[in-house]
C-alpha atoms as a PDB file:
ATOM      1  CA  MET A   1    -178.658 -81.838 -73.787  1.00  0.00           C
ATOM      2  CA  VAL A   2    -176.653 -80.756 -70.777  1.00  0.00           C
ATOM      3  CA  PRO A   3    -178.420 -78.104 -68.692  1.00  0.00           C
ATOM      4  CA  PRO A   4    -176.696 -74.705 -68.451  1.00  0.00           C
ATOM      5  CA  GLU A   5    -176.336 -75.037 -64.688  1.00  0.00           C
ATOM      6  CA  TRP A   6    -173.629 -77.662 -65.172  1.00  0.00           C
ATOM      7  CA  TYR A   7    -171.654 -75.330 -67.406  1.00  0.00           C
ATOM      8  CA  LEU A   8    -171.985 -72.551 -64.846  1.00  0.00           C
ATOM      9  CA  LEU A   9    -170.855 -74.881 -62.083  1.00  0.00           C
ATOM     10  CA  LEU A  10    -167.808 -75.927 -64.111  1.00  0.00           C
ATOM     11  CA  ALA A  11    -166.957 -72.319 -64.979  1.00  0.00           C
ATOM     12  CA  SER A  12    -167.302 -71.135 -61.390  1.00  0.00           C
ATOM     13  CA  GLY A  13    -165.044 -73.945 -60.179  1.00  0.00           C
ATOM     14  CA  VAL A  14    -162.359 -73.164 -62.760  1.00  0.00           C
ATOM     15  CA  PHE A  15    -162.641 -69.441 -62.005  1.00  0.00           C
ATOM     16  CA  CYS A  16    -162.250 -70.070 -58.263  1.00  0.00           C
ATOM     17  CA  ILE A  17    -159.175 -72.214 -58.881  1.00  0.00           C
ATOM     18  CA  GLY A  18    -157.672 -69.385 -60.940  1.00  0.00           C
ATOM     19  CA  LEU A  19    -158.536 -66.799 -58.302  1.00  0.00           C
ATOM     20  CA  PHE A  20    -157.008 -68.975 -55.599  1.00  0.00           C
ATOM     21  CA  GLY A  21    -153.844 -69.283 -57.684  1.00  0.00           C
ATOM     22  CA  ILE A  22    -153.545 -65.516 -58.061  1.00  0.00           C
ATOM     23  CA  LEU A  23    -154.150 -64.831 -54.373  1.00  0.00           C
ATOM     24  CA  THR A  24    -151.799 -67.454 -52.974  1.00  0.00           C
ATOM     25  CA  ARG A  25    -148.826 -67.672 -55.355  1.00  0.00           C
ATOM     26  CA  SER A  26    -145.956 -65.226 -55.780  1.00  0.00           C
ATOM     27  CA  ASP A  27    -144.468 -66.812 -58.891  1.00  0.00           C
ATOM     28  CA  ALA A  28    -145.125 -64.950 -62.139  1.00  0.00           C
ATOM     29  CA  LEU A  29    -145.685 -68.147 -64.140  1.00  0.00           C
ATOM     30  CA  TYR A  30    -148.421 -69.210 -61.753  1.00  0.00           C
ATOM     31  CA  PHE A  31    -149.986 -65.770 -62.166  1.00  0.00           C
ATOM     32  CA  LEU A  32    -150.141 -66.276 -65.926  1.00  0.00           C
ATOM     33  CA  MET A  33    -151.597 -69.762 -65.602  1.00  0.00           C
ATOM     34  CA  SER A  34    -154.186 -68.544 -63.101  1.00  0.00           C
ATOM     35  CA  VAL A  35    -155.271 -65.682 -65.349  1.00  0.00           C
ATOM     36  CA  GLU A  36    -155.581 -68.169 -68.210  1.00  0.00           C
ATOM     37  CA  LEU A  37    -157.830 -70.354 -66.045  1.00  0.00           C
ATOM     38  CA  MET A  38    -160.029 -67.366 -65.247  1.00  0.00           C
ATOM     39  CA  MET A  39    -160.291 -66.425 -68.928  1.00  0.00           C
ATOM     40  CA  ASN A  40    -161.173 -70.012 -69.837  1.00  0.00           C
ATOM     41  CA  ALA A  41    -163.906 -69.979 -67.207  1.00  0.00           C
ATOM     42  CA  ALA A  42    -165.332 -66.860 -68.842  1.00  0.00           C
ATOM     43  CA  ASN A  43    -165.149 -68.609 -72.216  1.00  0.00           C
ATOM     44  CA  VAL A  44    -167.114 -71.567 -70.866  1.00  0.00           C
ATOM     45  CA  ASN A  45    -169.805 -69.130 -69.727  1.00  0.00           C
ATOM     46  CA  PHE A  46    -169.884 -67.356 -73.087  1.00  0.00           C
ATOM     47  CA  VAL A  47    -170.235 -70.595 -75.023  1.00  0.00           C
ATOM     48  CA  ALA A  48    -172.791 -72.025 -72.595  1.00  0.00           C
ATOM     49  CA  PHE A  49    -175.050 -68.989 -72.852  1.00  0.00           C
ATOM     50  CA  SER A  50    -174.554 -68.937 -76.605  1.00  0.00           C
ATOM     51  CA  LEU A  51    -175.789 -72.522 -76.708  1.00  0.00           C
ATOM     52  CA  TYR A  52    -178.660 -71.752 -74.336  1.00  0.00           C
ATOM     53  CA  TYR A  53    -179.941 -68.736 -76.284  1.00  0.00           C
ATOM     54  CA  GLY A  54    -179.226 -70.215 -79.703  1.00  0.00           C
ATOM     55  CA  ASP A  55    -177.057 -67.449 -81.177  1.00  0.00           C
ATOM     56  CA  LEU A  56    -173.380 -67.207 -82.024  1.00  0.00           C
ATOM     57  CA  THR A  57    -172.581 -64.000 -80.148  1.00  0.00           C
ATOM     58  CA  GLY A  58    -171.071 -65.779 -77.157  1.00  0.00           C
ATOM     59  CA  GLN A  59    -168.924 -67.999 -79.337  1.00  0.00           C
ATOM     60  CA  VAL A  60    -167.601 -65.035 -81.312  1.00  0.00           C
ATOM     61  CA  PHE A  61    -166.840 -63.209 -78.083  1.00  0.00           C
ATOM     62  CA  ALA A  62    -165.037 -66.319 -76.790  1.00  0.00           C
ATOM     63  CA  LEU A  63    -162.806 -66.230 -79.882  1.00  0.00           C
ATOM     64  CA  PHE A  64    -161.884 -62.631 -79.079  1.00  0.00           C
ATOM     65  CA  VAL A  65    -161.089 -63.624 -75.492  1.00  0.00           C
ATOM     66  CA  ILE A  66    -158.835 -66.421 -76.781  1.00  0.00           C
ATOM     67  CA  ALA A  67    -156.983 -63.891 -78.957  1.00  0.00           C
ATOM     68  CA  LEU A  68    -156.667 -61.567 -75.955  1.00  0.00           C
ATOM     69  CA  ALA A  69    -155.318 -64.433 -73.860  1.00  0.00           C
ATOM     70  CA  ALA A  70    -152.683 -65.229 -76.490  1.00  0.00           C
ATOM     71  CA  ALA A  71    -151.522 -61.608 -76.517  1.00  0.00           C
ATOM     72  CA  GLU A  72    -151.501 -61.550 -72.718  1.00  0.00           C
ATOM     73  CA  VAL A  73    -149.277 -64.630 -72.601  1.00  0.00           C
ATOM     74  CA  ALA A  74    -146.829 -63.146 -75.107  1.00  0.00           C
ATOM     75  CA  ILE A  75    -146.474 -59.935 -73.105  1.00  0.00           C
ATOM     76  CA  GLY A  76    -146.410 -61.831 -69.795  1.00  0.00           C
ATOM     77  CA  ILE A  77    -143.598 -64.111 -70.902  1.00  0.00           C
ATOM     78  CA  GLY A  78    -141.623 -61.050 -72.002  1.00  0.00           C
ATOM     79  CA  ILE A  79    -142.081 -59.505 -68.564  1.00  0.00           C
ATOM     80  CA  ILE A  80    -141.075 -62.770 -66.893  1.00  0.00           C
ATOM     81  CA  LEU A  81    -137.898 -62.939 -68.983  1.00  0.00           C
ATOM     82  CA  VAL A  82    -136.994 -59.374 -67.980  1.00  0.00           C
ATOM     83  CA  LEU A  83    -137.650 -60.209 -64.319  1.00  0.00           C
ATOM     84  CA  TYR A  84    -135.423 -63.255 -64.523  1.00  0.00           C
ATOM     85  CA  ARG A  85    -132.655 -61.419 -66.353  1.00  0.00           C
ATOM     86  CA  ASN A  86    -132.632 -58.449 -63.962  1.00  0.00           C
ATOM     87  CA  PHE A  87    -133.270 -60.187 -60.643  1.00  0.00           C
ATOM     88  CA  GLY A  88    -132.382 -63.851 -61.192  1.00  0.00           C
ATOM     89  CA  ASP A  89    -135.829 -64.947 -59.999  1.00  0.00           C
ATOM     90  CA  ILE A  90    -139.399 -64.818 -61.274  1.00  0.00           C
ATOM     91  CA  ASP A  91    -140.893 -64.107 -57.850  1.00  0.00           C
ATOM     92  CA  VAL A  92    -143.057 -60.985 -58.171  1.00  0.00           C
ATOM     93  CA  THR A  93    -142.260 -59.809 -54.628  1.00  0.00           C
ATOM     94  CA  VAL A  94    -138.518 -59.455 -55.328  1.00  0.00           C
ATOM     95  CA  PRO A  95    -138.358 -56.439 -57.696  1.00  0.00           C
ATOM     96  CA  THR A  96    -139.005 -53.662 -55.202  1.00  0.00           C
ATOM     97  CA  GLU A  97    -136.794 -51.245 -57.146  1.00  0.00           C
ATOM     98  CA  MET A  98    -139.393 -51.048 -59.893  1.00  0.00           C
ATOM     99  CA  ARG A  99    -141.894 -49.353 -57.589  1.00  0.00           C
ATOM    100  CA  TRP A 100    -142.240 -45.598 -57.295  1.00  0.00           C
END
């Protein structure tokens, strides 16, 4: 059996990659991919602790996070399409007219 520390190490690495992607990129598609990486890192933690403690709560919660991620992608792609149609680019720093 793989010790839980390895799962935590994997999840922290994937989460840091996602956080780095959010902090350094200005493209909306990279934002979505980075948020997906961060959610998958949380899912690895949920499943790892579910395995460690021997109950299914973490796995059920990971299924809900997957459903949330699917909804987030659907809404995010809609926002990206509106950005591209209105501004001709999917760079999130371009639409300054949308601010208050």
